[in-house]
């Protein structure tokens, strides 16, 4: 029969060994995990402009079609430009910007709080089929966790060419429907500005856009039946994120 001292020592040694193995495994796997996250991000960006990519060709297609990355401040100025695999201006690569952090900075600034450095928002410029598209990443809060996506604008800076949405834990069959093509395809052809370039964003309407005035339906899509909270979260995400690009867009259309 083993003594309490023996059991304690044995358990302690086993805990140390298991912890060491897990730590080593996490360290070993981290580069692979980061690569997968990067590849999924690239695929999602490309998907917003209807370019199908898989893990094998995502990087190649990204370098072919995404011709420029911009990091924009709240005044609509490019503080960093990454082009042709190098920096044309600044030293902050837009692709590496953590949107969650920058949105939090903006939130603190709006509340009158001090932040470390000004917010920087990424934009990706795509040339595909002899057209230019402007891709803006999105991030917000859903019912059960974060939601995210990308919205691609045509060269008029107001017409939606494509969108992608993802989520961490929205309800299957309800809020999780934001990740389906049936929901996302509604956004194609909608506009985020009116004819005078007043920012309207895109609303996700409970009861459907048929309840909106006819001249406003170009700025709305149908909400998900039974997924009202997530639908509203998508609308808030789009408005909150796109508003950070309004100054830049208005400088481009003058």
C-alpha atoms as a PDB file:
ATOM      1  CA  UNK A   1       0.000   0.000   0.000  1.00  0.00           C
ATOM      2  CA  UNK A   2       1.436   3.351  -1.003  1.00  0.00           C
ATOM      3  CA  UNK A   3       2.026   6.105   1.513  1.00  0.00           C
ATOM      4  CA  UNK A   4       0.471   9.536   1.221  1.00  0.00           C
ATOM      5  CA  UNK A   5       3.936  10.952   0.566  1.00  0.00           C
ATOM      6  CA  UNK A   6       4.495   8.588  -2.356  1.00  0.00           C
ATOM      7  CA  UNK A   7       1.072   9.384  -3.860  1.00  0.00           C
ATOM      8  CA  UNK A   8       1.703  13.123  -3.536  1.00  0.00           C
ATOM      9  CA  UNK A   9       5.120  12.908  -5.190  1.00  0.00           C
ATOM     10  CA  UNK A  10       3.823  10.644  -7.964  1.00  0.00           C
ATOM     11  CA  UNK A  11       0.856  12.947  -8.682  1.00  0.00           C
ATOM     12  CA  UNK A  12       3.111  16.012  -8.701  1.00  0.00           C
ATOM     13  CA  UNK A  13       5.563  14.422 -11.128  1.00  0.00           C
ATOM     14  CA  UNK A  14       2.745  13.350 -13.441  1.00  0.00           C
ATOM     15  CA  UNK A  15       1.237  16.834 -13.400  1.00  0.00           C
ATOM     16  CA  UNK A  16       4.614  18.356 -14.295  1.00  0.00           C
ATOM     17  CA  UNK A  17       5.169  15.847 -17.099  1.00  0.00           C
ATOM     18  CA  UNK A  18       1.694  16.362 -18.564  1.00  0.00           C
ATOM     19  CA  UNK A  19       2.048  20.156 -18.311  1.00  0.00           C
ATOM     20  CA  UNK A  20       5.420  19.994 -20.066  1.00  0.00           C
ATOM     21  CA  UNK A  21       4.011  17.812 -22.852  1.00  0.00           C
ATOM     22  CA  UNK A  22       1.004  20.100 -23.363  1.00  0.00           C
ATOM     23  CA  UNK A  23       3.195  23.199 -23.332  1.00  0.00           C
ATOM     24  CA  UNK A  24       5.552  21.665 -25.890  1.00  0.00           C
ATOM     25  CA  UNK A  25       2.637  20.626 -28.079  1.00  0.00           C
ATOM     26  CA  UNK A  26       1.113  24.104 -27.922  1.00  0.00           C
ATOM     27  CA  UNK A  27       4.452  25.687 -28.835  1.00  0.00           C
ATOM     28  CA  UNK A  28       4.960  23.239 -31.694  1.00  0.00           C
ATOM     29  CA  UNK A  29       1.433  23.683 -33.071  1.00  0.00           C
ATOM     30  CA  UNK A  30       1.245  27.474 -32.717  1.00  0.00           C
ATOM     31  CA  UNK A  31       2.835  28.273 -36.129  1.00  0.00           C
ATOM     32  CA  UNK A  32       0.395  25.880 -37.816  1.00  0.00           C
ATOM     33  CA  UNK A  33      -2.569  27.425 -35.999  1.00  0.00           C
ATOM     34  CA  UNK A  34      -1.469  30.938 -36.954  1.00  0.00           C
ATOM     35  CA  UNK A  35      -1.013  29.840 -40.563  1.00  0.00           C
ATOM     36  CA  UNK A  36      -4.523  28.382 -40.627  1.00  0.00           C
ATOM     37  CA  UNK A  37      -5.994  31.579 -39.166  1.00  0.00           C
ATOM     38  CA  UNK A  38      -4.144  33.649 -41.768  1.00  0.00           C
ATOM     39  CA  UNK A  39      -5.285  31.403 -44.607  1.00  0.00           C
ATOM     40  CA  UNK A  40      -8.916  31.488 -43.470  1.00  0.00           C
ATOM     41  CA  UNK A  41      -8.741  35.282 -43.279  1.00  0.00           C
ATOM     42  CA  UNK A  42      -7.374  35.457 -46.826  1.00  0.00           C
ATOM     43  CA  UNK A  43     -10.049  33.087 -48.125  1.00  0.00           C
ATOM     44  CA  UNK A  44     -12.776  35.182 -46.498  1.00  0.00           C
ATOM     45  CA  UNK A  45     -11.436  38.408 -48.024  1.00  0.00           C
ATOM     46  CA  UNK A  46     -11.350  36.811 -51.471  1.00  0.00           C
ATOM     47  CA  UNK A  47     -14.801  35.310 -51.026  1.00  0.00           C
ATOM     48  CA  UNK A  48     -16.290  38.795 -50.570  1.00  0.00           C
ATOM     49  CA  UNK A  49     -15.279  39.562 -54.185  1.00  0.00           C
ATOM     50  CA  UNK A  50     -16.468  36.148 -55.385  1.00  0.00           C
ATOM     51  CA  UNK A  51     -13.040  34.620 -55.813  1.00  0.00           C
ATOM     52  CA  UNK A  52     -13.066  30.994 -54.711  1.00  0.00           C
ATOM     53  CA  UNK A  53      -9.875  29.892 -53.005  1.00  0.00           C
ATOM     54  CA  UNK A  54      -8.751  26.893 -51.025  1.00  0.00           C
ATOM     55  CA  UNK A  55      -5.923  26.517 -48.540  1.00  0.00           C
ATOM     56  CA  UNK A  56      -3.491  25.508 -51.269  1.00  0.00           C
ATOM     57  CA  UNK A  57      -3.938  28.536 -53.532  1.00  0.00           C
ATOM     58  CA  UNK A  58      -5.281  31.230 -51.171  1.00  0.00           C
ATOM     59  CA  UNK A  59      -1.967  33.082 -50.760  1.00  0.00           C
ATOM     60  CA  UNK A  60      -1.245  33.025 -54.494  1.00  0.00           C
ATOM     61  CA  UNK A  61      -4.689  34.357 -55.400  1.00  0.00           C
ATOM     62  CA  UNK A  62      -4.481  37.014 -52.700  1.00  0.00           C
ATOM     63  CA  UNK A  63      -1.163  38.310 -54.054  1.00  0.00           C
ATOM     64  CA  UNK A  64      -2.608  38.289 -57.575  1.00  0.00           C
ATOM     65  CA  UNK A  65      -5.881  40.101 -56.946  1.00  0.00           C
ATOM     66  CA  UNK A  66      -5.348  42.215 -53.809  1.00  0.00           C
ATOM     67  CA  UNK A  67      -3.164  44.918 -55.301  1.00  0.00           C
ATOM     68  CA  UNK A  68      -3.026  47.271 -52.336  1.00  0.00           C
ATOM     69  CA  UNK A  69      -3.637  47.363 -48.586  1.00  0.00           C
ATOM     70  CA  UNK A  70      -4.433  50.623 -46.809  1.00  0.00           C
ATOM     71  CA  UNK A  71      -4.389  51.542 -43.133  1.00  0.00           C
ATOM     72  CA  UNK A  72      -6.708  54.516 -42.657  1.00  0.00           C
ATOM     73  CA  UNK A  73      -7.133  56.909 -39.748  1.00  0.00           C
ATOM     74  CA  UNK A  74     -10.445  58.425 -38.695  1.00  0.00           C
ATOM     75  CA  UNK A  75      -9.790  61.490 -40.855  1.00  0.00           C
ATOM     76  CA  UNK A  76      -9.755  59.273 -43.943  1.00  0.00           C
ATOM     77  CA  UNK A  77      -6.015  59.509 -44.583  1.00  0.00           C
ATOM     78  CA  UNK A  78      -3.829  56.546 -45.465  1.00  0.00           C
ATOM     79  CA  UNK A  79      -1.207  56.291 -42.726  1.00  0.00           C
ATOM     80  CA  UNK A  80       0.282  53.129 -44.195  1.00  0.00           C
ATOM     81  CA  UNK A  81       0.216  51.604 -47.680  1.00  0.00           C
ATOM     82  CA  UNK A  82       1.363  48.077 -48.497  1.00  0.00           C
ATOM     83  CA  UNK A  83       1.742  47.348 -52.201  1.00  0.00           C
ATOM     84  CA  UNK A  84       3.737  44.966 -54.393  1.00  0.00           C
ATOM     85  CA  UNK A  85       4.885  42.983 -51.360  1.00  0.00           C
ATOM     86  CA  UNK A  86       6.391  46.064 -49.726  1.00  0.00           C
ATOM     87  CA  UNK A  87       5.606  49.302 -47.936  1.00  0.00           C
ATOM     88  CA  UNK A  88       4.911  52.337 -50.081  1.00  0.00           C
ATOM     89  CA  UNK A  89       4.147  54.380 -46.982  1.00  0.00           C
ATOM     90  CA  UNK A  90       4.463  53.741 -43.262  1.00  0.00           C
ATOM     91  CA  UNK A  91       5.418  50.437 -41.653  1.00  0.00           C
ATOM     92  CA  UNK A  92       2.102  49.057 -40.386  1.00  0.00           C
ATOM     93  CA  UNK A  93       0.837  46.273 -42.608  1.00  0.00           C
ATOM     94  CA  UNK A  94      -2.952  46.634 -42.842  1.00  0.00           C
ATOM     95  CA  UNK A  95      -3.466  42.874 -43.085  1.00  0.00           C
ATOM     96  CA  UNK A  96      -1.935  42.478 -39.624  1.00  0.00           C
ATOM     97  CA  UNK A  97      -4.214  45.035 -37.951  1.00  0.00           C
ATOM     98  CA  UNK A  98      -6.409  43.521 -35.246  1.00  0.00           C
ATOM     99  CA  UNK A  99      -9.754  45.132 -35.970  1.00  0.00           C
ATOM    100  CA  UNK A 100     -11.139  44.320 -32.521  1.00  0.00           C
ATOM    101  CA  UNK A 101      -8.361  46.378 -30.908  1.00  0.00           C
ATOM    102  CA  UNK A 102      -8.807  49.333 -33.255  1.00  0.00           C
ATOM    103  CA  UNK A 103     -12.574  49.437 -32.760  1.00  0.00           C
ATOM    104  CA  UNK A 104     -12.006  49.447 -29.009  1.00  0.00           C
ATOM    105  CA  UNK A 105      -9.604  52.367 -29.393  1.00  0.00           C
ATOM    106  CA  UNK A 106     -12.204  54.276 -31.382  1.00  0.00           C
ATOM    107  CA  UNK A 107     -14.828  53.510 -28.742  1.00  0.00           C
ATOM    108  CA  UNK A 108     -12.549  54.864 -26.005  1.00  0.00           C
ATOM    109  CA  UNK A 109     -11.774  58.010 -28.030  1.00  0.00           C
ATOM    110  CA  UNK A 110     -15.462  58.666 -28.599  1.00  0.00           C
ATOM    111  CA  UNK A 111     -15.955  58.358 -24.844  1.00  0.00           C
ATOM    112  CA  UNK A 112     -13.240  60.920 -24.209  1.00  0.00           C
ATOM    113  CA  UNK A 113     -10.712  58.394 -22.915  1.00  0.00           C
ATOM    114  CA  UNK A 114      -7.013  58.339 -23.744  1.00  0.00           C
ATOM    115  CA  UNK A 115      -5.639  55.605 -26.002  1.00  0.00           C
ATOM    116  CA  UNK A 116      -2.195  54.518 -27.068  1.00  0.00           C
ATOM    117  CA  UNK A 117      -1.984  55.755 -30.646  1.00  0.00           C
ATOM    118  CA  UNK A 118      -4.751  56.609 -33.080  1.00  0.00           C
ATOM    119  CA  UNK A 119      -7.028  53.877 -34.457  1.00  0.00           C
ATOM    120  CA  UNK A 120      -6.074  52.425 -37.835  1.00  0.00           C
ATOM    121  CA  UNK A 121      -8.596  50.653 -40.045  1.00  0.00           C
ATOM    122  CA  UNK A 122      -7.625  48.261 -42.862  1.00  0.00           C
ATOM    123  CA  UNK A 123      -8.946  48.325 -46.408  1.00  0.00           C
ATOM    124  CA  UNK A 124      -8.060  45.955 -49.232  1.00  0.00           C
ATOM    125  CA  UNK A 125      -8.133  47.057 -52.871  1.00  0.00           C
ATOM    126  CA  UNK A 126      -8.897  44.285 -55.337  1.00  0.00           C
ATOM    127  CA  UNK A 127      -8.615  44.271 -59.130  1.00  0.00           C
ATOM    128  CA  UNK A 128     -10.559  41.444 -60.725  1.00  0.00           C
ATOM    129  CA  UNK A 129     -12.229  41.060 -64.135  1.00  0.00           C
ATOM    130  CA  UNK A 130     -11.053  44.575 -65.090  1.00  0.00           C
ATOM    131  CA  UNK A 131     -12.907  46.062 -62.124  1.00  0.00           C
ATOM    132  CA  UNK A 132     -11.762  47.595 -58.860  1.00  0.00           C
ATOM    133  CA  UNK A 133     -13.320  46.682 -55.527  1.00  0.00           C
ATOM    134  CA  UNK A 134     -12.775  48.039 -52.036  1.00  0.00           C
ATOM    135  CA  UNK A 135     -12.987  45.464 -49.273  1.00  0.00           C
ATOM    136  CA  UNK A 136     -13.722  46.532 -45.708  1.00  0.00           C
ATOM    137  CA  UNK A 137     -13.452  44.083 -42.787  1.00  0.00           C
ATOM    138  CA  UNK A 138     -16.235  43.946 -40.203  1.00  0.00           C
ATOM    139  CA  UNK A 139     -16.432  42.908 -36.570  1.00  0.00           C
ATOM    140  CA  UNK A 140     -19.218  43.127 -34.003  1.00  0.00           C
ATOM    141  CA  UNK A 141     -21.045  41.398 -31.170  1.00  0.00           C
ATOM    142  CA  UNK A 142     -23.749  38.821 -31.812  1.00  0.00           C
ATOM    143  CA  UNK A 143     -26.168  37.224 -29.394  1.00  0.00           C
ATOM    144  CA  UNK A 144     -23.698  34.663 -28.007  1.00  0.00           C
ATOM    145  CA  UNK A 145     -20.314  35.927 -29.107  1.00  0.00           C
ATOM    146  CA  UNK A 146     -18.363  37.792 -31.775  1.00  0.00           C
ATOM    147  CA  UNK A 147     -19.510  38.093 -35.370  1.00  0.00           C
ATOM    148  CA  UNK A 148     -17.351  39.223 -38.268  1.00  0.00           C
ATOM    149  CA  UNK A 149     -17.080  39.454 -42.027  1.00  0.00           C
ATOM    150  CA  UNK A 150     -16.075  41.519 -45.033  1.00  0.00           C
ATOM    151  CA  UNK A 151     -18.023  43.822 -47.321  1.00  0.00           C
ATOM    152  CA  UNK A 152     -16.810  44.577 -50.851  1.00  0.00           C
ATOM    153  CA  UNK A 153     -17.850  47.828 -52.527  1.00  0.00           C
ATOM    154  CA  UNK A 154     -17.796  48.565 -56.231  1.00  0.00           C
ATOM    155  CA  UNK A 155     -15.749  51.481 -57.549  1.00  0.00           C
ATOM    156  CA  UNK A 156     -18.572  53.927 -56.894  1.00  0.00           C
ATOM    157  CA  UNK A 157     -17.789  53.326 -53.206  1.00  0.00           C
ATOM    158  CA  UNK A 158     -21.428  52.765 -52.347  1.00  0.00           C
ATOM    159  CA  UNK A 159     -22.758  49.673 -54.137  1.00  0.00           C
ATOM    160  CA  UNK A 160     -22.211  46.319 -52.444  1.00  0.00           C
ATOM    161  CA  UNK A 161     -20.584  43.704 -54.649  1.00  0.00           C
ATOM    162  CA  UNK A 162     -20.422  40.959 -52.049  1.00  0.00           C
ATOM    163  CA  UNK A 163     -20.305  40.168 -48.340  1.00  0.00           C
ATOM    164  CA  UNK A 164     -19.231  37.420 -46.003  1.00  0.00           C
ATOM    165  CA  UNK A 165     -20.323  36.912 -42.406  1.00  0.00           C
ATOM    166  CA  UNK A 166     -19.120  34.508 -39.750  1.00  0.00           C
ATOM    167  CA  UNK A 167     -19.872  33.880 -36.102  1.00  0.00           C
ATOM    168  CA  UNK A 168     -18.549  32.058 -33.068  1.00  0.00           C
ATOM    169  CA  UNK A 169     -21.697  30.731 -31.439  1.00  0.00           C
ATOM    170  CA  UNK A 170     -24.973  32.021 -32.865  1.00  0.00           C
ATOM    171  CA  UNK A 171     -27.979  29.730 -32.618  1.00  0.00           C
ATOM    172  CA  UNK A 172     -28.088  27.018 -35.351  1.00  0.00           C
ATOM    173  CA  UNK A 173     -31.043  27.499 -37.685  1.00  0.00           C
ATOM    174  CA  UNK A 174     -31.586  31.049 -36.390  1.00  0.00           C
ATOM    175  CA  UNK A 175     -28.804  33.591 -35.905  1.00  0.00           C
ATOM    176  CA  UNK A 176     -26.265  31.222 -37.437  1.00  0.00           C
ATOM    177  CA  UNK A 177     -28.029  31.786 -40.776  1.00  0.00           C
ATOM    178  CA  UNK A 178     -25.928  34.951 -41.224  1.00  0.00           C
ATOM    179  CA  UNK A 179     -23.202  32.634 -42.544  1.00  0.00           C
ATOM    180  CA  UNK A 180     -25.412  31.268 -45.343  1.00  0.00           C
ATOM    181  CA  UNK A 181     -25.436  32.425 -48.955  1.00  0.00           C
ATOM    182  CA  UNK A 182     -29.206  32.889 -48.785  1.00  0.00           C
ATOM    183  CA  UNK A 183     -28.759  35.679 -46.257  1.00  0.00           C
ATOM    184  CA  UNK A 184     -25.549  37.152 -47.674  1.00  0.00           C
ATOM    185  CA  UNK A 185     -26.764  37.313 -51.284  1.00  0.00           C
ATOM    186  CA  UNK A 186     -29.431  39.816 -50.236  1.00  0.00           C
ATOM    187  CA  UNK A 187     -26.735  42.447 -49.788  1.00  0.00           C
ATOM    188  CA  UNK A 188     -25.505  42.339 -53.378  1.00  0.00           C
ATOM    189  CA  UNK A 189     -26.528  45.536 -55.199  1.00  0.00           C
ATOM    190  CA  UNK A 190     -27.596  47.351 -52.038  1.00  0.00           C
ATOM    191  CA  UNK A 191     -26.052  50.758 -51.348  1.00  0.00           C
ATOM    192  CA  UNK A 192     -24.503  52.302 -48.236  1.00  0.00           C
ATOM    193  CA  UNK A 193     -24.971  55.906 -49.414  1.00  0.00           C
ATOM    194  CA  UNK A 194     -27.917  57.668 -50.980  1.00  0.00           C
ATOM    195  CA  UNK A 195     -27.675  59.525 -54.288  1.00  0.00           C
ATOM    196  CA  UNK A 196     -26.179  62.546 -52.500  1.00  0.00           C
ATOM    197  CA  UNK A 197     -23.619  60.353 -50.738  1.00  0.00           C
ATOM    198  CA  UNK A 198     -25.226  60.698 -47.357  1.00  0.00           C
ATOM    199  CA  UNK A 199     -24.236  57.638 -45.337  1.00  0.00           C
ATOM    200  CA  UNK A 200     -27.191  55.289 -44.840  1.00  0.00           C
ATOM    201  CA  UNK A 201     -25.472  51.966 -44.157  1.00  0.00           C
ATOM    202  CA  UNK A 202     -27.618  48.870 -44.692  1.00  0.00           C
ATOM    203  CA  UNK A 203     -30.390  47.943 -42.309  1.00  0.00           C
ATOM    204  CA  UNK A 204     -31.465  44.378 -41.560  1.00  0.00           C
ATOM    205  CA  UNK A 205     -35.198  44.746 -41.271  1.00  0.00           C
ATOM    206  CA  UNK A 206     -37.485  42.673 -39.061  1.00  0.00           C
ATOM    207  CA  UNK A 207     -40.592  41.905 -41.091  1.00  0.00           C
ATOM    208  CA  UNK A 208     -38.677  42.387 -44.353  1.00  0.00           C
ATOM    209  CA  UNK A 209     -37.843  45.347 -46.554  1.00  0.00           C
ATOM    210  CA  UNK A 210     -41.422  45.362 -47.848  1.00  0.00           C
ATOM    211  CA  UNK A 211     -42.203  47.305 -44.661  1.00  0.00           C
ATOM    212  CA  UNK A 212     -39.769  50.068 -45.716  1.00  0.00           C
ATOM    213  CA  UNK A 213     -40.630  52.990 -48.026  1.00  0.00           C
ATOM    214  CA  UNK A 214     -39.959  51.930 -51.609  1.00  0.00           C
ATOM    215  CA  UNK A 215     -37.133  54.439 -52.085  1.00  0.00           C
ATOM    216  CA  UNK A 216     -35.343  53.124 -48.973  1.00  0.00           C
ATOM    217  CA  UNK A 217     -35.409  49.430 -49.830  1.00  0.00           C
ATOM    218  CA  UNK A 218     -32.077  49.759 -51.649  1.00  0.00           C
ATOM    219  CA  UNK A 219     -30.560  50.284 -48.186  1.00  0.00           C
ATOM    220  CA  UNK A 220     -32.110  47.246 -46.498  1.00  0.00           C
ATOM    221  CA  UNK A 221     -32.315  43.449 -46.441  1.00  0.00           C
ATOM    222  CA  UNK A 222     -34.696  41.008 -44.774  1.00  0.00           C
ATOM    223  CA  UNK A 223     -33.880  39.952 -41.231  1.00  0.00           C
ATOM    224  CA  UNK A 224     -33.600  36.281 -40.305  1.00  0.00           C
ATOM    225  CA  UNK A 225     -36.886  34.855 -39.080  1.00  0.00           C
ATOM    226  CA  UNK A 226     -36.417  33.996 -35.419  1.00  0.00           C
ATOM    227  CA  UNK A 227     -32.960  35.557 -35.394  1.00  0.00           C
ATOM    228  CA  UNK A 228     -33.890  39.158 -34.682  1.00  0.00           C
ATOM    229  CA  UNK A 229     -31.112  39.894 -32.187  1.00  0.00           C
ATOM    230  CA  UNK A 230     -28.372  38.546 -34.453  1.00  0.00           C
ATOM    231  CA  UNK A 231     -29.912  40.356 -37.434  1.00  0.00           C
ATOM    232  CA  UNK A 232     -29.806  43.636 -35.531  1.00  0.00           C
ATOM    233  CA  UNK A 233     -26.227  42.833 -34.499  1.00  0.00           C
ATOM    234  CA  UNK A 234     -25.244  42.484 -38.160  1.00  0.00           C
ATOM    235  CA  UNK A 235     -26.841  45.843 -38.977  1.00  0.00           C
ATOM    236  CA  UNK A 236     -25.018  47.494 -36.061  1.00  0.00           C
ATOM    237  CA  UNK A 237     -21.727  45.875 -37.068  1.00  0.00           C
ATOM    238  CA  UNK A 238     -22.015  47.147 -40.624  1.00  0.00           C
ATOM    239  CA  UNK A 239     -22.950  50.670 -39.561  1.00  0.00           C
ATOM    240  CA  UNK A 240     -20.315  50.935 -36.830  1.00  0.00           C
ATOM    241  CA  UNK A 241     -17.509  49.616 -39.020  1.00  0.00           C
ATOM    242  CA  UNK A 242     -18.367  51.421 -42.252  1.00  0.00           C
ATOM    243  CA  UNK A 243     -18.720  54.753 -40.459  1.00  0.00           C
ATOM    244  CA  UNK A 244     -14.956  54.644 -39.864  1.00  0.00           C
ATOM    245  CA  UNK A 245     -14.391  54.722 -43.639  1.00  0.00           C
ATOM    246  CA  UNK A 246     -16.860  57.487 -44.469  1.00  0.00           C
ATOM    247  CA  UNK A 247     -14.224  60.236 -44.428  1.00  0.00           C
ATOM    248  CA  UNK A 248     -11.941  58.287 -46.753  1.00  0.00           C
ATOM    249  CA  UNK A 249     -14.727  57.452 -49.185  1.00  0.00           C
ATOM    250  CA  UNK A 250     -15.930  61.040 -49.412  1.00  0.00           C
ATOM    251  CA  UNK A 251     -12.400  62.160 -50.248  1.00  0.00           C
ATOM    252  CA  UNK A 252     -12.317  59.685 -53.138  1.00  0.00           C
ATOM    253  CA  UNK A 253     -15.598  60.816 -54.727  1.00  0.00           C
ATOM    254  CA  UNK A 254     -14.894  64.547 -54.785  1.00  0.00           C
END
